[in-house]
Amino acid sequence: MLCVTRQANKPFAGSQTWLSGWAAEYLSETIFRVLNHAVIERQARQDSLTELANRRAFDLKIAQEVQVAQKNGSELSLLLFDLDRFKSINDTYGHQAGDAVLRQTAHVMQQKVVATIRGGDRVLVARFGGEEMAVLLLGVSTDDAVRIAEVLRTAIDDEPFRFQDQQLSVTVSAGTATFPCHADSVEQLIAAADDALYRAKETGRNRVVLVAKALV
């Protein structure tokens, strides 16, 4: 709705009425295009199932932030999470249950990490792929990264997961690594966190493991 007023107490001329109608139509079309573009842009960055950032958005962000960290001499920590025995959830309860678990896990992680980190814009939570999720912590040291990973792991372990009146047991394993302590590139940082995650899975699951080796 476009409302046009003036101080003079007399009707608008025909040309003025036409101009107002044209302006309203032009504005409505422009607003629609802007909103539609914003929706498309959001969909390009967001995972449709979990509503977290998608892998493309994560890849762009980590590349950008590693460059910033290299320039400023700051730290950047990466947490990689993997749902334990996720295949058994799909096999036992079906893929709808698996999707529900992924959505709820994503919600818990997003809410908990924002509540834990000072300044919510300094963290990115993304669906890394399949049942893996990544948390990118900007300006966070190794010790704090391990602490935050443990907070998230505990929150998921304590969360009541239910699907169609069935109580589900859901836990996650996590691997952590920090730039530049454990890596000097994006690829090395992801590989380091992934190696730590692998060791968390191999040593019993439902635990947080820090990558073993620091760069010399």
N, C-alpha and C. Protein backbone atom coordinates (compact mmCIF):
# COMPACT_ATOMS: atom_id res chain seq x y z
N MET A 1 0.86 -1.19 0.00
CA MET A 1 0.00 0.00 0.00
C MET A 1 0.89 1.24 0.00
N LEU A 2 0.57 2.16 -0.88
CA LEU A 2 1.27 3.44 -0.93
C LEU A 2 0.27 4.52 -0.55
N CYS A 3 0.55 5.25 0.52
CA CYS A 3 -0.34 6.30 1.00
C CYS A 3 0.29 7.65 0.69
N VAL A 4 -0.40 8.49 -0.06
CA VAL A 4 0.10 9.81 -0.45
C VAL A 4 -0.80 10.87 0.16
N THR A 5 -0.22 11.82 0.88
CA THR A 5 -1.00 12.90 1.51
C THR A 5 -0.39 14.25 1.15
N ARG A 6 -1.18 15.29 1.35
CA ARG A 6 -0.68 16.65 1.20
C ARG A 6 -1.51 17.59 2.06
N GLN A 7 -0.98 18.76 2.29
CA GLN A 7 -1.65 19.69 3.18
C GLN A 7 -2.88 20.31 2.54
N ALA A 8 -2.85 20.52 1.24
CA ALA A 8 -3.97 21.19 0.56
C ALA A 8 -5.22 20.31 0.60
N ASN A 9 -6.35 20.89 0.93
CA ASN A 9 -7.62 20.17 1.04
C ASN A 9 -8.36 20.20 -0.30
N LYS A 10 -7.80 19.49 -1.28
CA LYS A 10 -8.44 19.41 -2.60
C LYS A 10 -8.01 18.11 -3.25
N PRO A 11 -8.80 17.59 -4.18
CA PRO A 11 -8.50 16.30 -4.79
C PRO A 11 -7.23 16.37 -5.66
N PHE A 12 -6.59 15.20 -5.80
CA PHE A 12 -5.43 15.11 -6.67
C PHE A 12 -5.85 15.20 -8.13
N ALA A 13 -4.99 15.77 -8.95
CA ALA A 13 -5.24 15.80 -10.38
C ALA A 13 -5.09 14.40 -10.96
N GLY A 14 -5.67 14.19 -12.14
CA GLY A 14 -5.61 12.87 -12.77
C GLY A 14 -4.18 12.40 -13.01
N SER A 15 -3.30 13.33 -13.42
CA SER A 15 -1.90 12.95 -13.67
C SER A 15 -1.20 12.55 -12.37
N GLN A 16 -1.57 13.22 -11.28
CA GLN A 16 -0.97 12.88 -10.00
C GLN A 16 -1.43 11.50 -9.52
N THR A 17 -2.69 11.20 -9.73
CA THR A 17 -3.21 9.88 -9.35
C THR A 17 -2.53 8.78 -10.17
N TRP A 18 -2.39 9.05 -11.48
CA TRP A 18 -1.71 8.06 -12.34
C TRP A 18 -0.27 7.85 -11.91
N LEU A 19 0.43 8.96 -11.58
CA LEU A 19 1.83 8.87 -11.16
C LEU A 19 1.95 8.07 -9.86
N SER A 20 1.02 8.28 -8.93
CA SER A 20 1.04 7.53 -7.66
C SER A 20 0.84 6.04 -7.91
N GLY A 21 -0.08 5.71 -8.82
CA GLY A 21 -0.31 4.30 -9.14
C GLY A 21 0.90 3.66 -9.79
N TRP A 22 1.51 4.41 -10.68
CA TRP A 22 2.71 3.88 -11.34
C TRP A 22 3.84 3.66 -10.33
N ALA A 23 4.02 4.62 -9.42
CA ALA A 23 5.07 4.50 -8.40
C ALA A 23 4.83 3.31 -7.49
N ALA A 24 3.55 3.10 -7.12
CA ALA A 24 3.24 1.97 -6.24
C ALA A 24 3.53 0.66 -6.93
N GLU A 25 3.17 0.54 -8.19
CA GLU A 25 3.42 -0.70 -8.94
C GLU A 25 4.91 -0.93 -9.13
N TYR A 26 5.65 0.14 -9.43
CA TYR A 26 7.09 0.01 -9.62
C TYR A 26 7.77 -0.43 -8.33
N LEU A 27 7.38 0.20 -7.21
CA LEU A 27 7.97 -0.16 -5.93
C LEU A 27 7.65 -1.60 -5.54
N SER A 28 6.42 -2.03 -5.79
CA SER A 28 6.04 -3.40 -5.41
C SER A 28 6.84 -4.42 -6.21
N GLU A 29 7.04 -4.16 -7.50
CA GLU A 29 7.83 -5.07 -8.32
C GLU A 29 9.30 -5.08 -7.87
N THR A 30 9.82 -3.91 -7.51
CA THR A 30 11.21 -3.82 -7.06
C THR A 30 11.40 -4.56 -5.75
N ILE A 31 10.49 -4.34 -4.80
CA ILE A 31 10.58 -5.02 -3.51
C ILE A 31 10.50 -6.53 -3.69
N PHE A 32 9.60 -6.98 -4.57
CA PHE A 32 9.46 -8.42 -4.83
C PHE A 32 10.76 -8.99 -5.38
N ARG A 33 11.39 -8.29 -6.31
CA ARG A 33 12.65 -8.78 -6.90
C ARG A 33 13.75 -8.84 -5.84
N VAL A 34 13.82 -7.84 -4.98
CA VAL A 34 14.85 -7.81 -3.94
C VAL A 34 14.64 -8.96 -2.96
N LEU A 35 13.40 -9.17 -2.53
CA LEU A 35 13.11 -10.25 -1.60
C LEU A 35 13.38 -11.61 -2.23
N ASN A 36 12.99 -11.76 -3.49
CA ASN A 36 13.23 -13.02 -4.19
C ASN A 36 14.72 -13.29 -4.32
N HIS A 37 15.49 -12.25 -4.60
CA HIS A 37 16.94 -12.40 -4.69
C HIS A 37 17.52 -12.79 -3.35
N ALA A 38 17.01 -12.19 -2.27
CA ALA A 38 17.51 -12.50 -0.92
C ALA A 38 17.23 -13.96 -0.57
N VAL A 39 16.05 -14.45 -0.96
CA VAL A 39 15.69 -15.85 -0.69
C VAL A 39 16.63 -16.79 -1.45
N ILE A 40 16.90 -16.47 -2.71
CA ILE A 40 17.79 -17.30 -3.52
C ILE A 40 19.20 -17.30 -2.94
N GLU A 41 19.66 -16.12 -2.52
CA GLU A 41 20.99 -16.03 -1.92
C GLU A 41 21.08 -16.86 -0.64
N ARG A 42 20.01 -16.81 0.17
CA ARG A 42 20.01 -17.58 1.41
C ARG A 42 20.00 -19.08 1.12
N GLN A 43 19.21 -19.49 0.15
CA GLN A 43 19.16 -20.90 -0.21
C GLN A 43 20.50 -21.39 -0.72
N ALA A 44 21.25 -20.52 -1.38
CA ALA A 44 22.56 -20.91 -1.90
C ALA A 44 23.57 -21.12 -0.78
N ARG A 45 23.32 -20.53 0.39
CA ARG A 45 24.26 -20.64 1.52
C ARG A 45 23.78 -21.58 2.61
N GLN A 46 22.53 -22.03 2.54
CA GLN A 46 21.93 -22.75 3.66
C GLN A 46 21.59 -24.19 3.29
N ASP A 47 21.87 -25.11 4.22
CA ASP A 47 21.47 -26.49 4.05
C ASP A 47 19.96 -26.59 4.29
N SER A 48 19.24 -27.17 3.35
CA SER A 48 17.78 -27.16 3.43
C SER A 48 17.22 -28.01 4.56
N LEU A 49 17.92 -29.08 4.95
CA LEU A 49 17.41 -29.96 5.99
C LEU A 49 17.65 -29.39 7.39
N THR A 50 18.89 -28.99 7.67
CA THR A 50 19.24 -28.56 9.02
C THR A 50 19.13 -27.05 9.24
N GLU A 51 19.07 -26.29 8.13
CA GLU A 51 19.06 -24.83 8.16
C GLU A 51 20.37 -24.25 8.69
N LEU A 52 21.41 -25.07 8.73
CA LEU A 52 22.75 -24.56 9.01
C LEU A 52 23.36 -24.06 7.70
N ALA A 53 24.52 -23.43 7.81
CA ALA A 53 25.27 -23.10 6.60
C ALA A 53 25.61 -24.39 5.87
N ASN A 54 25.61 -24.34 4.54
CA ASN A 54 25.95 -25.53 3.78
C ASN A 54 27.46 -25.61 3.54
N ARG A 55 27.89 -26.66 2.87
CA ARG A 55 29.33 -26.89 2.66
C ARG A 55 29.94 -25.76 1.84
N ARG A 56 29.21 -25.26 0.86
CA ARG A 56 29.74 -24.18 0.03
C ARG A 56 30.01 -22.94 0.88
N ALA A 57 29.06 -22.59 1.74
CA ALA A 57 29.24 -21.43 2.60
C ALA A 57 30.39 -21.64 3.57
N PHE A 58 30.51 -22.86 4.08
CA PHE A 58 31.61 -23.18 4.99
C PHE A 58 32.95 -23.04 4.29
N ASP A 59 33.07 -23.59 3.09
CA ASP A 59 34.34 -23.53 2.36
C ASP A 59 34.76 -22.09 2.09
N LEU A 60 33.79 -21.24 1.73
CA LEU A 60 34.10 -19.83 1.48
C LEU A 60 34.54 -19.13 2.77
N LYS A 61 33.84 -19.43 3.87
CA LYS A 61 34.13 -18.76 5.14
C LYS A 61 35.49 -19.18 5.70
N ILE A 62 35.79 -20.46 5.67
CA ILE A 62 37.07 -20.90 6.25
C ILE A 62 38.24 -20.38 5.43
N ALA A 63 38.10 -20.33 4.11
CA ALA A 63 39.17 -19.78 3.28
C ALA A 63 39.39 -18.30 3.60
N GLN A 64 38.30 -17.57 3.77
CA GLN A 64 38.39 -16.15 4.10
C GLN A 64 39.03 -15.94 5.47
N GLU A 65 38.61 -16.72 6.45
CA GLU A 65 39.08 -16.51 7.82
C GLU A 65 40.52 -16.99 8.01
N VAL A 66 40.96 -18.00 7.29
CA VAL A 66 42.37 -18.39 7.36
C VAL A 66 43.25 -17.27 6.82
N GLN A 67 42.82 -16.62 5.76
CA GLN A 67 43.58 -15.50 5.23
C GLN A 67 43.67 -14.36 6.25
N VAL A 68 42.55 -14.09 6.93
CA VAL A 68 42.53 -13.04 7.95
C VAL A 68 43.46 -13.41 9.11
N ALA A 69 43.39 -14.69 9.53
CA ALA A 69 44.23 -15.15 10.63
C ALA A 69 45.72 -15.07 10.26
N GLN A 70 46.05 -15.41 9.02
CA GLN A 70 47.43 -15.32 8.57
C GLN A 70 47.92 -13.87 8.60
N LYS A 71 47.06 -12.98 8.19
CA LYS A 71 47.43 -11.56 8.13
C LYS A 71 47.56 -10.96 9.52
N ASN A 72 46.64 -11.31 10.41
CA ASN A 72 46.59 -10.68 11.73
C ASN A 72 47.34 -11.45 12.81
N GLY A 73 47.79 -12.66 12.49
CA GLY A 73 48.44 -13.48 13.50
C GLY A 73 47.47 -13.97 14.57
N SER A 74 46.21 -14.16 14.19
CA SER A 74 45.19 -14.59 15.14
C SER A 74 44.95 -16.09 15.02
N GLU A 75 44.15 -16.62 15.94
CA GLU A 75 43.87 -18.05 15.97
C GLU A 75 42.49 -18.34 15.37
N LEU A 76 42.36 -19.57 14.88
CA LEU A 76 41.12 -20.02 14.26
C LEU A 76 40.98 -21.51 14.53
N SER A 77 39.93 -21.89 15.23
CA SER A 77 39.75 -23.30 15.59
C SER A 77 38.61 -23.93 14.81
N LEU A 78 38.79 -25.20 14.49
CA LEU A 78 37.77 -25.96 13.76
C LEU A 78 37.38 -27.19 14.57
N LEU A 79 36.09 -27.37 14.76
CA LEU A 79 35.55 -28.57 15.39
C LEU A 79 34.77 -29.35 14.34
N LEU A 80 35.06 -30.63 14.21
CA LEU A 80 34.30 -31.50 13.32
C LEU A 80 33.55 -32.53 14.17
N PHE A 81 32.24 -32.61 13.98
CA PHE A 81 31.39 -33.54 14.73
C PHE A 81 30.81 -34.58 13.78
N ASP A 82 30.69 -35.79 14.30
CA ASP A 82 30.06 -36.86 13.53
C ASP A 82 29.09 -37.61 14.45
N LEU A 83 27.85 -37.81 13.98
CA LEU A 83 26.87 -38.54 14.78
C LEU A 83 27.29 -40.01 14.87
N ASP A 84 27.33 -40.52 16.09
CA ASP A 84 27.75 -41.91 16.32
C ASP A 84 26.65 -42.88 15.88
N ARG A 85 27.08 -43.91 15.16
CA ARG A 85 26.17 -45.00 14.74
C ARG A 85 24.90 -44.46 14.08
N PHE A 86 25.08 -43.47 13.24
CA PHE A 86 23.92 -42.84 12.58
C PHE A 86 23.24 -43.81 11.62
N LYS A 87 24.02 -44.67 10.99
CA LYS A 87 23.45 -45.63 10.04
C LYS A 87 22.44 -46.55 10.75
N SER A 88 22.74 -46.89 12.00
CA SER A 88 21.82 -47.78 12.72
C SER A 88 20.48 -47.10 13.00
N ILE A 89 20.50 -45.79 13.16
CA ILE A 89 19.24 -45.04 13.35
C ILE A 89 18.41 -45.12 12.08
N ASN A 90 19.05 -44.89 10.95
CA ASN A 90 18.33 -44.99 9.67
C ASN A 90 17.82 -46.41 9.43
N ASP A 91 18.66 -47.40 9.72
CA ASP A 91 18.29 -48.79 9.47
C ASP A 91 17.16 -49.24 10.40
N THR A 92 17.16 -48.77 11.64
CA THR A 92 16.18 -49.22 12.63
C THR A 92 14.87 -48.46 12.53
N TYR A 93 14.95 -47.14 12.39
CA TYR A 93 13.75 -46.30 12.47
C TYR A 93 13.37 -45.65 11.14
N GLY A 94 14.24 -45.74 10.14
CA GLY A 94 13.94 -45.15 8.84
C GLY A 94 14.62 -43.80 8.66
N HIS A 95 14.66 -43.36 7.41
CA HIS A 95 15.37 -42.12 7.08
C HIS A 95 14.66 -40.88 7.62
N GLN A 96 13.36 -40.96 7.83
CA GLN A 96 12.67 -39.81 8.43
C GLN A 96 13.18 -39.58 9.85
N ALA A 97 13.44 -40.65 10.57
CA ALA A 97 14.02 -40.52 11.91
C ALA A 97 15.42 -39.93 11.82
N GLY A 98 16.20 -40.41 10.85
CA GLY A 98 17.53 -39.86 10.67
C GLY A 98 17.50 -38.37 10.38
N ASP A 99 16.57 -37.95 9.51
CA ASP A 99 16.44 -36.52 9.21
C ASP A 99 16.05 -35.73 10.45
N ALA A 100 15.14 -36.28 11.25
CA ALA A 100 14.71 -35.60 12.48
C ALA A 100 15.88 -35.45 13.44
N VAL A 101 16.71 -36.48 13.55
CA VAL A 101 17.88 -36.42 14.43
C VAL A 101 18.86 -35.37 13.94
N LEU A 102 19.08 -35.31 12.64
CA LEU A 102 19.98 -34.30 12.09
C LEU A 102 19.48 -32.89 12.37
N ARG A 103 18.17 -32.67 12.18
CA ARG A 103 17.61 -31.35 12.43
C ARG A 103 17.75 -30.96 13.90
N GLN A 104 17.42 -31.89 14.80
CA GLN A 104 17.48 -31.57 16.22
C GLN A 104 18.92 -31.37 16.69
N THR A 105 19.82 -32.19 16.19
CA THR A 105 21.24 -32.03 16.53
C THR A 105 21.74 -30.66 16.08
N ALA A 106 21.40 -30.28 14.86
CA ALA A 106 21.80 -28.98 14.34
C ALA A 106 21.25 -27.85 15.21
N HIS A 107 19.99 -27.97 15.61
CA HIS A 107 19.37 -26.94 16.44
C HIS A 107 20.08 -26.83 17.79
N VAL A 108 20.37 -27.96 18.42
CA VAL A 108 21.06 -27.95 19.72
C VAL A 108 22.43 -27.30 19.58
N MET A 109 23.17 -27.68 18.55
CA MET A 109 24.51 -27.14 18.36
C MET A 109 24.48 -25.64 18.12
N GLN A 110 23.57 -25.20 17.27
CA GLN A 110 23.48 -23.77 16.95
C GLN A 110 23.13 -22.96 18.19
N GLN A 111 22.13 -23.42 18.93
CA GLN A 111 21.70 -22.68 20.12
C GLN A 111 22.77 -22.69 21.20
N LYS A 112 23.40 -23.83 21.41
CA LYS A 112 24.37 -23.95 22.49
C LYS A 112 25.65 -23.18 22.19
N VAL A 113 26.11 -23.21 20.96
CA VAL A 113 27.36 -22.54 20.65
C VAL A 113 27.18 -21.03 20.70
N VAL A 114 26.03 -20.53 20.27
CA VAL A 114 25.77 -19.09 20.33
C VAL A 114 25.72 -18.63 21.79
N ALA A 115 25.13 -19.48 22.66
CA ALA A 115 25.06 -19.14 24.08
C ALA A 115 26.43 -19.22 24.75
N THR A 116 27.34 -20.01 24.19
CA THR A 116 28.64 -20.23 24.81
C THR A 116 29.68 -19.21 24.36
N ILE A 117 29.61 -18.83 23.09
CA ILE A 117 30.62 -17.94 22.51
C ILE A 117 30.24 -16.49 22.76
N ARG A 118 31.21 -15.67 23.11
CA ARG A 118 30.98 -14.24 23.22
C ARG A 118 30.97 -13.63 21.82
N GLY A 119 29.81 -13.09 21.44
CA GLY A 119 29.71 -12.52 20.10
C GLY A 119 29.35 -13.59 19.10
N GLY A 120 28.06 -13.77 18.84
CA GLY A 120 27.60 -14.86 17.98
C GLY A 120 28.08 -14.78 16.56
N ASP A 121 28.54 -13.58 16.11
CA ASP A 121 29.00 -13.45 14.74
C ASP A 121 30.41 -14.00 14.55
N ARG A 122 31.04 -14.49 15.63
CA ARG A 122 32.39 -15.02 15.53
C ARG A 122 32.40 -16.54 15.42
N VAL A 123 31.28 -17.12 15.06
CA VAL A 123 31.20 -18.57 14.94
C VAL A 123 30.33 -18.93 13.74
N LEU A 124 30.68 -20.02 13.08
CA LEU A 124 29.87 -20.54 11.98
C LEU A 124 29.62 -22.02 12.23
N VAL A 125 28.36 -22.41 12.23
CA VAL A 125 27.99 -23.82 12.35
C VAL A 125 27.47 -24.26 10.99
N ALA A 126 28.02 -25.35 10.46
CA ALA A 126 27.66 -25.77 9.10
C ALA A 126 27.47 -27.28 9.05
N ARG A 127 26.66 -27.70 8.09
CA ARG A 127 26.58 -29.12 7.78
C ARG A 127 27.73 -29.42 6.84
N PHE A 128 28.67 -30.20 7.33
CA PHE A 128 29.90 -30.46 6.58
C PHE A 128 29.68 -31.51 5.50
N GLY A 129 28.76 -32.43 5.77
CA GLY A 129 28.45 -33.47 4.80
C GLY A 129 27.85 -34.67 5.49
N GLY A 130 26.75 -35.22 4.94
CA GLY A 130 26.13 -36.39 5.56
C GLY A 130 25.72 -36.10 6.99
N GLU A 131 26.24 -36.92 7.94
CA GLU A 131 25.95 -36.71 9.35
C GLU A 131 27.07 -35.96 10.07
N GLU A 132 27.95 -35.30 9.31
CA GLU A 132 29.03 -34.51 9.90
C GLU A 132 28.66 -33.03 9.92
N MET A 133 29.02 -32.37 11.02
CA MET A 133 28.80 -30.93 11.16
C MET A 133 30.09 -30.28 11.60
N ALA A 134 30.28 -29.05 11.18
CA ALA A 134 31.51 -28.32 11.49
C ALA A 134 31.17 -27.05 12.25
N VAL A 135 32.04 -26.70 13.18
CA VAL A 135 31.93 -25.44 13.91
C VAL A 135 33.24 -24.70 13.74
N LEU A 136 33.16 -23.52 13.15
CA LEU A 136 34.34 -22.69 12.91
C LEU A 136 34.34 -21.57 13.96
N LEU A 137 35.40 -21.55 14.78
CA LEU A 137 35.48 -20.62 15.90
C LEU A 137 36.58 -19.61 15.63
N LEU A 138 36.21 -18.37 15.43
CA LEU A 138 37.16 -17.34 15.06
C LEU A 138 37.77 -16.71 16.32
N GLY A 139 39.10 -16.65 16.37
CA GLY A 139 39.78 -16.07 17.51
C GLY A 139 39.72 -16.92 18.76
N VAL A 140 39.55 -18.23 18.61
CA VAL A 140 39.43 -19.15 19.75
C VAL A 140 40.65 -20.05 19.81
N SER A 141 41.26 -20.16 20.99
CA SER A 141 42.47 -20.94 21.18
C SER A 141 42.16 -22.43 21.25
N THR A 142 43.22 -23.23 21.28
CA THR A 142 43.08 -24.69 21.35
C THR A 142 42.31 -25.13 22.60
N ASP A 143 42.71 -24.62 23.75
CA ASP A 143 42.05 -25.03 24.99
C ASP A 143 40.58 -24.67 25.00
N ASP A 144 40.25 -23.47 24.55
CA ASP A 144 38.85 -23.05 24.52
C ASP A 144 38.06 -23.86 23.49
N ALA A 145 38.71 -24.22 22.38
CA ALA A 145 38.04 -25.01 21.37
C ALA A 145 37.65 -26.38 21.92
N VAL A 146 38.56 -27.01 22.65
CA VAL A 146 38.28 -28.31 23.26
C VAL A 146 37.14 -28.17 24.28
N ARG A 147 37.18 -27.08 25.06
CA ARG A 147 36.12 -26.85 26.06
C ARG A 147 34.77 -26.68 25.39
N ILE A 148 34.71 -25.90 24.32
CA ILE A 148 33.45 -25.67 23.61
C ILE A 148 32.96 -26.96 22.97
N ALA A 149 33.87 -27.72 22.38
CA ALA A 149 33.48 -29.01 21.79
C ALA A 149 32.87 -29.92 22.83
N GLU A 150 33.45 -29.92 24.02
CA GLU A 150 32.93 -30.75 25.11
C GLU A 150 31.55 -30.27 25.56
N VAL A 151 31.35 -28.97 25.59
CA VAL A 151 30.03 -28.42 25.92
C VAL A 151 28.98 -28.89 24.92
N LEU A 152 29.31 -28.86 23.64
CA LEU A 152 28.38 -29.29 22.59
C LEU A 152 28.14 -30.80 22.66
N ARG A 153 29.20 -31.56 22.87
CA ARG A 153 29.05 -33.02 22.97
C ARG A 153 28.13 -33.38 24.14
N THR A 154 28.33 -32.74 25.27
CA THR A 154 27.51 -33.02 26.45
C THR A 154 26.05 -32.61 26.22
N ALA A 155 25.86 -31.47 25.57
CA ALA A 155 24.50 -31.00 25.31
C ALA A 155 23.72 -31.98 24.44
N ILE A 156 24.38 -32.54 23.45
CA ILE A 156 23.71 -33.51 22.57
C ILE A 156 23.47 -34.82 23.32
N ASP A 157 24.44 -35.24 24.14
CA ASP A 157 24.28 -36.46 24.93
C ASP A 157 23.10 -36.33 25.90
N ASP A 158 22.88 -35.12 26.41
CA ASP A 158 21.81 -34.88 27.38
C ASP A 158 20.46 -34.58 26.73
N GLU A 159 20.46 -34.29 25.44
CA GLU A 159 19.23 -33.90 24.76
C GLU A 159 18.30 -35.11 24.58
N PRO A 160 17.01 -34.95 24.92
CA PRO A 160 16.07 -36.06 24.68
C PRO A 160 15.65 -36.10 23.20
N PHE A 161 16.07 -37.11 22.50
CA PHE A 161 15.71 -37.29 21.10
C PHE A 161 14.57 -38.31 21.03
N ARG A 162 13.48 -37.92 20.40
CA ARG A 162 12.33 -38.82 20.27
C ARG A 162 11.84 -38.80 18.82
N PHE A 163 11.37 -39.94 18.37
CA PHE A 163 10.76 -40.04 17.04
C PHE A 163 9.60 -41.01 17.13
N GLN A 164 8.40 -40.50 16.89
CA GLN A 164 7.18 -41.31 16.94
C GLN A 164 7.12 -42.12 18.24
N ASP A 165 7.25 -41.41 19.35
CA ASP A 165 7.16 -42.00 20.70
C ASP A 165 8.31 -42.95 21.03
N GLN A 166 9.33 -42.98 20.18
CA GLN A 166 10.50 -43.80 20.45
C GLN A 166 11.63 -42.92 21.00
N GLN A 167 12.23 -43.34 22.09
CA GLN A 167 13.39 -42.63 22.64
C GLN A 167 14.64 -43.10 21.91
N LEU A 168 15.38 -42.16 21.34
CA LEU A 168 16.57 -42.50 20.57
C LEU A 168 17.83 -42.12 21.35
N SER A 169 18.83 -42.97 21.27
CA SER A 169 20.11 -42.67 21.89
C SER A 169 21.01 -42.01 20.85
N VAL A 170 21.35 -40.74 21.09
CA VAL A 170 22.13 -39.97 20.11
C VAL A 170 23.35 -39.38 20.80
N THR A 171 24.51 -39.65 20.25
CA THR A 171 25.76 -39.06 20.74
C THR A 171 26.59 -38.63 19.53
N VAL A 172 27.60 -37.81 19.81
CA VAL A 172 28.50 -37.37 18.74
C VAL A 172 29.94 -37.54 19.19
N SER A 173 30.81 -37.73 18.21
CA SER A 173 32.25 -37.68 18.43
C SER A 173 32.76 -36.40 17.78
N ALA A 174 33.86 -35.86 18.32
CA ALA A 174 34.36 -34.59 17.81
C ALA A 174 35.88 -34.59 17.74
N GLY A 175 36.38 -33.94 16.70
CA GLY A 175 37.81 -33.70 16.56
C GLY A 175 38.07 -32.21 16.45
N THR A 176 39.13 -31.74 17.08
CA THR A 176 39.42 -30.30 17.07
C THR A 176 40.85 -30.05 16.62
N ALA A 177 41.03 -28.92 15.97
CA ALA A 177 42.36 -28.47 15.55
C ALA A 177 42.33 -26.94 15.46
N THR A 178 43.50 -26.33 15.60
CA THR A 178 43.58 -24.87 15.63
C THR A 178 44.66 -24.37 14.67
N PHE A 179 44.32 -23.33 13.96
CA PHE A 179 45.28 -22.61 13.10
C PHE A 179 45.84 -21.45 13.92
N PRO A 180 47.16 -21.22 13.92
CA PRO A 180 48.21 -21.90 13.15
C PRO A 180 48.94 -22.99 13.92
N CYS A 181 48.44 -23.37 15.08
CA CYS A 181 49.15 -24.35 15.91
C CYS A 181 49.27 -25.70 15.21
N HIS A 182 48.19 -26.14 14.56
CA HIS A 182 48.17 -27.48 13.97
C HIS A 182 48.14 -27.48 12.45
N ALA A 183 48.10 -26.31 11.84
CA ALA A 183 47.98 -26.26 10.39
C ALA A 183 48.41 -24.88 9.89
N ASP A 184 48.86 -24.82 8.65
CA ASP A 184 49.18 -23.52 8.05
C ASP A 184 48.41 -23.27 6.76
N SER A 185 47.34 -24.06 6.55
CA SER A 185 46.49 -23.85 5.38
C SER A 185 45.10 -24.40 5.69
N VAL A 186 44.15 -24.05 4.84
CA VAL A 186 42.78 -24.56 5.00
C VAL A 186 42.77 -26.08 4.94
N GLU A 187 43.46 -26.62 3.95
CA GLU A 187 43.46 -28.07 3.76
C GLU A 187 44.05 -28.79 4.97
N GLN A 188 45.14 -28.26 5.51
CA GLN A 188 45.76 -28.89 6.68
C GLN A 188 44.87 -28.78 7.91
N LEU A 189 44.17 -27.67 8.06
CA LEU A 189 43.31 -27.50 9.23
C LEU A 189 42.16 -28.50 9.19
N ILE A 190 41.52 -28.66 8.03
CA ILE A 190 40.44 -29.63 7.90
C ILE A 190 40.96 -31.04 8.10
N ALA A 191 42.12 -31.35 7.51
CA ALA A 191 42.69 -32.69 7.65
C ALA A 191 43.05 -32.99 9.11
N ALA A 192 43.56 -32.01 9.83
CA ALA A 192 43.93 -32.20 11.23
C ALA A 192 42.70 -32.48 12.08
N ALA A 193 41.64 -31.68 11.89
CA ALA A 193 40.41 -31.90 12.66
C ALA A 193 39.79 -33.24 12.30
N ASP A 194 39.87 -33.61 11.04
CA ASP A 194 39.31 -34.88 10.60
C ASP A 194 40.08 -36.06 11.18
N ASP A 195 41.39 -35.92 11.28
CA ASP A 195 42.20 -36.97 11.90
C ASP A 195 41.84 -37.14 13.37
N ALA A 196 41.64 -36.02 14.06
CA ALA A 196 41.25 -36.09 15.47
C ALA A 196 39.87 -36.72 15.62
N LEU A 197 38.96 -36.41 14.70
CA LEU A 197 37.63 -37.01 14.72
C LEU A 197 37.72 -38.51 14.51
N TYR A 198 38.57 -38.94 13.60
CA TYR A 198 38.75 -40.37 13.35
C TYR A 198 39.23 -41.08 14.62
N ARG A 199 40.15 -40.45 15.33
CA ARG A 199 40.65 -41.07 16.56
C ARG A 199 39.57 -41.09 17.65
N ALA A 200 38.70 -40.08 17.67
CA ALA A 200 37.59 -40.09 18.63
C ALA A 200 36.65 -41.26 18.35
N LYS A 201 36.40 -41.54 17.08
CA LYS A 201 35.53 -42.66 16.72
C LYS A 201 36.21 -43.99 17.05
N GLU A 202 37.50 -44.07 16.78
CA GLU A 202 38.23 -45.32 16.98
C GLU A 202 38.44 -45.66 18.45
N THR A 203 38.43 -44.67 19.31
CA THR A 203 38.73 -44.90 20.73
C THR A 203 37.48 -44.92 21.61
N GLY A 204 36.32 -45.14 21.00
CA GLY A 204 35.14 -45.36 21.82
C GLY A 204 33.93 -44.49 21.54
N ARG A 205 34.06 -43.46 20.71
CA ARG A 205 32.94 -42.58 20.38
C ARG A 205 32.48 -41.74 21.58
N ASN A 206 31.57 -40.81 21.30
CA ASN A 206 31.01 -39.93 22.32
C ASN A 206 32.11 -39.26 23.13
N ARG A 207 33.09 -38.70 22.42
CA ARG A 207 34.20 -38.04 23.09
C ARG A 207 34.80 -36.97 22.17
N VAL A 208 35.58 -36.09 22.77
CA VAL A 208 36.28 -35.04 22.04
C VAL A 208 37.77 -35.35 22.05
N VAL A 209 38.40 -35.26 20.88
CA VAL A 209 39.84 -35.51 20.76
C VAL A 209 40.50 -34.33 20.07
N LEU A 210 41.59 -33.86 20.64
CA LEU A 210 42.41 -32.82 20.03
C LEU A 210 43.45 -33.48 19.15
N VAL A 211 43.69 -32.88 17.99
CA VAL A 211 44.67 -33.46 17.08
C VAL A 211 46.01 -33.62 17.80
N ALA A 212 46.70 -34.71 17.51
CA ALA A 212 47.86 -35.10 18.32
C ALA A 212 49.08 -34.20 18.10
N LYS A 213 49.33 -33.82 16.85
CA LYS A 213 50.61 -33.18 16.55
C LYS A 213 50.42 -31.70 16.24
N ALA A 214 51.28 -30.90 16.82
CA ALA A 214 51.33 -29.47 16.48
C ALA A 214 52.44 -29.25 15.46
N LEU A 215 52.31 -28.19 14.67
CA LEU A 215 53.38 -27.85 13.72
C LEU A 215 54.60 -27.38 14.47
N VAL A 216 55.75 -27.75 13.97
CA VAL A 216 57.01 -27.33 14.61
C VAL A 216 57.31 -25.89 14.23
